[in-house]
Amino acid sequence: MAYWSARSDRKKERSFHCYAPALLAAACFLLTAVIPDVFALQMVVLAGATAGIYASYVVFWALAANVFQGSAATGGFALINAIGLWGGFVSPMVVGKLTSLTGTMSAGMVCMGGTVAVGAAILWSVTRTITGTRAMSEMHAEIL
């Protein structure tokens, strides 16, 4: 986490440093569904998923602070926290239900991996749009 956030600061780039570890986490979650039931191997892959999630967290909040400014910051952070709390409440129930339906954790891991991948794709899309919008407004300011 410390290395990844320092690297993000040094490169002055937030978006890639946020969605790339999230994609790593998604890949690790998906990998746990297909690897054989070898406990040590699954623990290593789940550790990779955990590292990806936490590396993404530290850069995410710096990115959010850059996106939400002024009076929008309070509402933006509240919305982010509400969505995160909702996910923390619903996710164990979904994984538990999928496990009871299928008899294995594989479906739950696929669901979590898919959810993280969708979140990374949304983050990439939103930050790309915001970056493009800011670049255009800076160009307009220079012209005027």
C-alpha atoms as a PDB file:
ATOM      1  CA  MET A   1       0.000   0.000   0.000  1.00  0.00           C
ATOM      2  CA  ALA A   2       2.722   2.428   0.958  1.00  0.00           C
ATOM      3  CA  TYR A   3       4.734   1.685  -2.180  1.00  0.00           C
ATOM      4  CA  TRP A   4       1.709   1.951  -4.474  1.00  0.00           C
ATOM      5  CA  SER A   5       0.486   5.243  -3.023  1.00  0.00           C
ATOM      6  CA  ALA A   6       4.011   6.695  -3.122  1.00  0.00           C
ATOM      7  CA  ARG A   7       4.342   5.566  -6.743  1.00  0.00           C
ATOM      8  CA  SER A   8       1.024   7.228  -7.557  1.00  0.00           C
ATOM      9  CA  ASP A   9       2.242  10.461  -5.960  1.00  0.00           C
ATOM     10  CA  ARG A  10       5.588  10.295  -7.745  1.00  0.00           C
ATOM     11  CA  LYS A  11       3.992   9.686 -11.155  1.00  0.00           C
ATOM     12  CA  LYS A  12       1.191  12.205 -10.426  1.00  0.00           C
ATOM     13  CA  GLU A  13      -1.312   9.693 -11.789  1.00  0.00           C
ATOM     14  CA  ARG A  14      -4.302   8.397  -9.847  1.00  0.00           C
ATOM     15  CA  SER A  15      -6.670   6.635 -12.237  1.00  0.00           C
ATOM     16  CA  PHE A  16      -4.367   3.822 -13.395  1.00  0.00           C
ATOM     17  CA  HIS A  17      -3.037   3.342  -9.880  1.00  0.00           C
ATOM     18  CA  CYS A  18      -6.604   2.825  -8.706  1.00  0.00           C
ATOM     19  CA  TYR A  19      -8.138   0.558 -11.341  1.00  0.00           C
ATOM     20  CA  ALA A  20      -5.063  -1.595 -12.082  1.00  0.00           C
ATOM     21  CA  PRO A  21      -4.862  -3.156  -8.599  1.00  0.00           C
ATOM     22  CA  ALA A  22      -8.651  -3.575  -8.643  1.00  0.00           C
ATOM     23  CA  LEU A  23      -8.305  -5.567 -11.872  1.00  0.00           C
ATOM     24  CA  LEU A  24      -5.571  -7.643 -10.211  1.00  0.00           C
ATOM     25  CA  ALA A  25      -7.953  -8.344  -7.329  1.00  0.00           C
ATOM     26  CA  ALA A  26     -10.735  -9.292  -9.747  1.00  0.00           C
ATOM     27  CA  ALA A  27      -8.410 -11.677 -11.582  1.00  0.00           C
ATOM     28  CA  CYS A  28      -7.341 -13.264  -8.296  1.00  0.00           C
ATOM     29  CA  PHE A  29     -10.959 -13.749  -7.182  1.00  0.00           C
ATOM     30  CA  LEU A  30     -11.770 -15.348 -10.525  1.00  0.00           C
ATOM     31  CA  LEU A  31      -8.645 -17.494 -10.307  1.00  0.00           C
ATOM     32  CA  THR A  32      -9.722 -18.921  -6.941  1.00  0.00           C
ATOM     33  CA  ALA A  33     -12.811 -20.307  -8.651  1.00  0.00           C
ATOM     34  CA  VAL A  34     -10.810 -22.345 -11.158  1.00  0.00           C
ATOM     35  CA  ILE A  35      -7.730 -23.497  -9.237  1.00  0.00           C
ATOM     36  CA  PRO A  36      -7.889 -26.888  -7.565  1.00  0.00           C
ATOM     37  CA  ASP A  37      -8.791 -27.143  -3.896  1.00  0.00           C
ATOM     38  CA  VAL A  38      -5.238 -26.711  -2.658  1.00  0.00           C
ATOM     39  CA  PHE A  39      -5.454 -24.626   0.503  1.00  0.00           C
ATOM     40  CA  ALA A  40      -1.985 -23.053   0.290  1.00  0.00           C
ATOM     41  CA  LEU A  41      -2.451 -22.059  -3.350  1.00  0.00           C
ATOM     42  CA  GLN A  42      -5.870 -20.543  -2.695  1.00  0.00           C
ATOM     43  CA  MET A  43      -4.494 -18.574   0.270  1.00  0.00           C
ATOM     44  CA  VAL A  44      -1.732 -17.112  -1.910  1.00  0.00           C
ATOM     45  CA  VAL A  45      -4.238 -16.100  -4.593  1.00  0.00           C
ATOM     46  CA  LEU A  46      -6.628 -14.616  -2.005  1.00  0.00           C
ATOM     47  CA  ALA A  47      -3.694 -12.692  -0.522  1.00  0.00           C
ATOM     48  CA  GLY A  48      -3.132 -11.260  -4.003  1.00  0.00           C
ATOM     49  CA  ALA A  49      -6.800 -10.252  -4.155  1.00  0.00           C
ATOM     50  CA  THR A  50      -6.529  -8.592  -0.755  1.00  0.00           C
ATOM     51  CA  ALA A  51      -3.366  -6.747  -1.782  1.00  0.00           C
ATOM     52  CA  GLY A  52      -5.091  -5.510  -4.934  1.00  0.00           C
ATOM     53  CA  ILE A  53      -8.145  -4.281  -3.036  1.00  0.00           C
ATOM     54  CA  TYR A  54      -6.124  -2.424  -0.406  1.00  0.00           C
ATOM     55  CA  ALA A  55      -3.709  -0.931  -2.952  1.00  0.00           C
ATOM     56  CA  SER A  56      -6.728   0.372  -4.828  1.00  0.00           C
ATOM     57  CA  TYR A  57      -8.257   1.855  -1.649  1.00  0.00           C
ATOM     58  CA  VAL A  58      -5.373   4.171  -0.814  1.00  0.00           C
ATOM     59  CA  VAL A  59      -5.329   5.747  -4.247  1.00  0.00           C
ATOM     60  CA  PHE A  60      -9.127   5.799  -4.543  1.00  0.00           C
ATOM     61  CA  TRP A  61      -9.570   8.278  -1.695  1.00  0.00           C
ATOM     62  CA  ALA A  62      -6.915  10.585  -3.137  1.00  0.00           C
ATOM     63  CA  LEU A  63      -8.694  10.366  -6.489  1.00  0.00           C
ATOM     64  CA  ALA A  64     -12.056  11.095  -4.873  1.00  0.00           C
ATOM     65  CA  ALA A  65     -10.573  14.139  -3.132  1.00  0.00           C
ATOM     66  CA  ASN A  66      -9.447  15.428  -6.541  1.00  0.00           C
ATOM     67  CA  VAL A  67     -12.862  14.827  -8.124  1.00  0.00           C
ATOM     68  CA  PHE A  68     -15.118  16.184  -5.368  1.00  0.00           C
ATOM     69  CA  GLN A  69     -14.207  19.705  -4.349  1.00  0.00           C
ATOM     70  CA  GLY A  70     -15.951  22.460  -2.471  1.00  0.00           C
ATOM     71  CA  SER A  71     -19.499  21.848  -1.293  1.00  0.00           C
ATOM     72  CA  ALA A  72     -19.801  18.747  -3.500  1.00  0.00           C
ATOM     73  CA  ALA A  73     -17.130  16.980  -1.446  1.00  0.00           C
ATOM     74  CA  THR A  74     -19.395  16.322   1.530  1.00  0.00           C
ATOM     75  CA  GLY A  75     -22.186  14.795  -0.526  1.00  0.00           C
ATOM     76  CA  GLY A  76     -19.763  12.898  -2.751  1.00  0.00           C
ATOM     77  CA  PHE A  77     -17.937  11.292   0.159  1.00  0.00           C
ATOM     78  CA  ALA A  78     -21.263  10.461   1.826  1.00  0.00           C
ATOM     79  CA  LEU A  79     -22.483   8.763  -1.353  1.00  0.00           C
ATOM     80  CA  ILE A  80     -19.252   6.775  -1.685  1.00  0.00           C
ATOM     81  CA  ASN A  81     -19.484   5.641   1.941  1.00  0.00           C
ATOM     82  CA  ALA A  82     -23.163   4.708   1.572  1.00  0.00           C
ATOM     83  CA  ILE A  83     -22.430   2.565  -1.483  1.00  0.00           C
ATOM     84  CA  GLY A  84     -19.480   0.940   0.294  1.00  0.00           C
ATOM     85  CA  LEU A  85     -21.544   0.177   3.390  1.00  0.00           C
ATOM     86  CA  TRP A  86     -24.319  -1.262   1.248  1.00  0.00           C
ATOM     87  CA  GLY A  87     -21.799  -3.516  -0.500  1.00  0.00           C
ATOM     88  CA  GLY A  88     -20.369  -4.644   2.828  1.00  0.00           C
ATOM     89  CA  PHE A  89     -23.864  -5.546   4.009  1.00  0.00           C
ATOM     90  CA  VAL A  90     -25.118  -7.289   0.868  1.00  0.00           C
ATOM     91  CA  SER A  91     -21.953  -9.091  -0.279  1.00  0.00           C
ATOM     92  CA  PRO A  92     -21.766 -11.700   2.523  1.00  0.00           C
ATOM     93  CA  MET A  93     -25.425 -12.561   1.992  1.00  0.00           C
ATOM     94  CA  VAL A  94     -24.954 -12.974  -1.769  1.00  0.00           C
ATOM     95  CA  VAL A  95     -21.822 -15.102  -1.353  1.00  0.00           C
ATOM     96  CA  GLY A  96     -23.550 -17.191   1.326  1.00  0.00           C
ATOM     97  CA  LYS A  97     -26.614 -17.737  -0.845  1.00  0.00           C
ATOM     98  CA  LEU A  98     -24.485 -18.687  -3.857  1.00  0.00           C
ATOM     99  CA  THR A  99     -22.473 -21.081  -1.686  1.00  0.00           C
ATOM    100  CA  SER A 100     -25.611 -22.757  -0.346  1.00  0.00           C
ATOM    101  CA  LEU A 101     -27.095 -23.044  -3.849  1.00  0.00           C
ATOM    102  CA  THR A 102     -23.975 -24.465  -5.504  1.00  0.00           C
ATOM    103  CA  GLY A 103     -22.288 -26.202  -2.572  1.00  0.00           C
ATOM    104  CA  THR A 104     -18.969 -24.511  -3.363  1.00  0.00           C
ATOM    105  CA  MET A 105     -17.360 -21.115  -2.871  1.00  0.00           C
ATOM    106  CA  SER A 106     -16.510 -20.830  -6.577  1.00  0.00           C
ATOM    107  CA  ALA A 107     -19.736 -19.031  -7.504  1.00  0.00           C
ATOM    108  CA  GLY A 108     -19.202 -16.508  -4.705  1.00  0.00           C
ATOM    109  CA  MET A 109     -15.641 -15.854  -5.828  1.00  0.00           C
ATOM    110  CA  VAL A 110     -16.796 -15.357  -9.424  1.00  0.00           C
ATOM    111  CA  CYS A 111     -19.456 -12.937  -8.184  1.00  0.00           C
ATOM    112  CA  MET A 112     -16.919 -10.955  -6.136  1.00  0.00           C
ATOM    113  CA  GLY A 113     -14.407 -10.948  -8.982  1.00  0.00           C
ATOM    114  CA  GLY A 114     -17.051  -9.776 -11.419  1.00  0.00           C
ATOM    115  CA  THR A 115     -18.202  -7.046  -9.054  1.00  0.00           C
ATOM    116  CA  VAL A 116     -14.657  -5.752  -8.571  1.00  0.00           C
ATOM    117  CA  ALA A 117     -14.040  -5.866 -12.339  1.00  0.00           C
ATOM    118  CA  VAL A 118     -17.228  -3.890 -13.021  1.00  0.00           C
ATOM    119  CA  GLY A 119     -16.197  -1.365 -10.366  1.00  0.00           C
ATOM    120  CA  ALA A 120     -12.771  -0.992 -11.982  1.00  0.00           C
ATOM    121  CA  ALA A 121     -14.373  -0.500 -15.400  1.00  0.00           C
ATOM    122  CA  ILE A 122     -16.726   2.162 -14.017  1.00  0.00           C
ATOM    123  CA  LEU A 123     -13.809   3.889 -12.300  1.00  0.00           C
ATOM    124  CA  TRP A 124     -11.777   3.853 -15.523  1.00  0.00           C
ATOM    125  CA  SER A 125     -14.702   5.221 -17.512  1.00  0.00           C
ATOM    126  CA  VAL A 126     -15.570   7.976 -15.035  1.00  0.00           C
ATOM    127  CA  THR A 127     -11.993   9.144 -14.510  1.00  0.00           C
ATOM    128  CA  ARG A 128     -11.374   9.125 -18.251  1.00  0.00           C
ATOM    129  CA  THR A 129     -14.462  11.288 -18.806  1.00  0.00           C
ATOM    130  CA  ILE A 130     -13.519  13.686 -16.002  1.00  0.00           C
ATOM    131  CA  THR A 131      -9.946  13.965 -17.254  1.00  0.00           C
ATOM    132  CA  GLY A 132     -11.178  14.668 -20.781  1.00  0.00           C
ATOM    133  CA  THR A 133     -13.666  17.260 -19.532  1.00  0.00           C
ATOM    134  CA  ARG A 134     -11.006  19.045 -17.484  1.00  0.00           C
ATOM    135  CA  ALA A 135      -8.586  19.033 -20.415  1.00  0.00           C
ATOM    136  CA  MET A 136     -11.244  20.552 -22.669  1.00  0.00           C
ATOM    137  CA  SER A 137     -12.129  23.259 -20.138  1.00  0.00           C
ATOM    138  CA  GLU A 138      -8.429  24.116 -19.738  1.00  0.00           C
ATOM    139  CA  MET A 139      -8.112  24.433 -23.531  1.00  0.00           C
ATOM    140  CA  HIS A 140     -11.172  26.696 -23.637  1.00  0.00           C
ATOM    141  CA  ALA A 141      -9.712  28.841 -20.859  1.00  0.00           C
ATOM    142  CA  GLU A 142      -6.486  29.266 -22.826  1.00  0.00           C
ATOM    143  CA  ILE A 143      -8.375  30.213 -25.987  1.00  0.00           C
ATOM    144  CA  LEU A 144     -10.538  32.767 -24.203  1.00  0.00           C
END
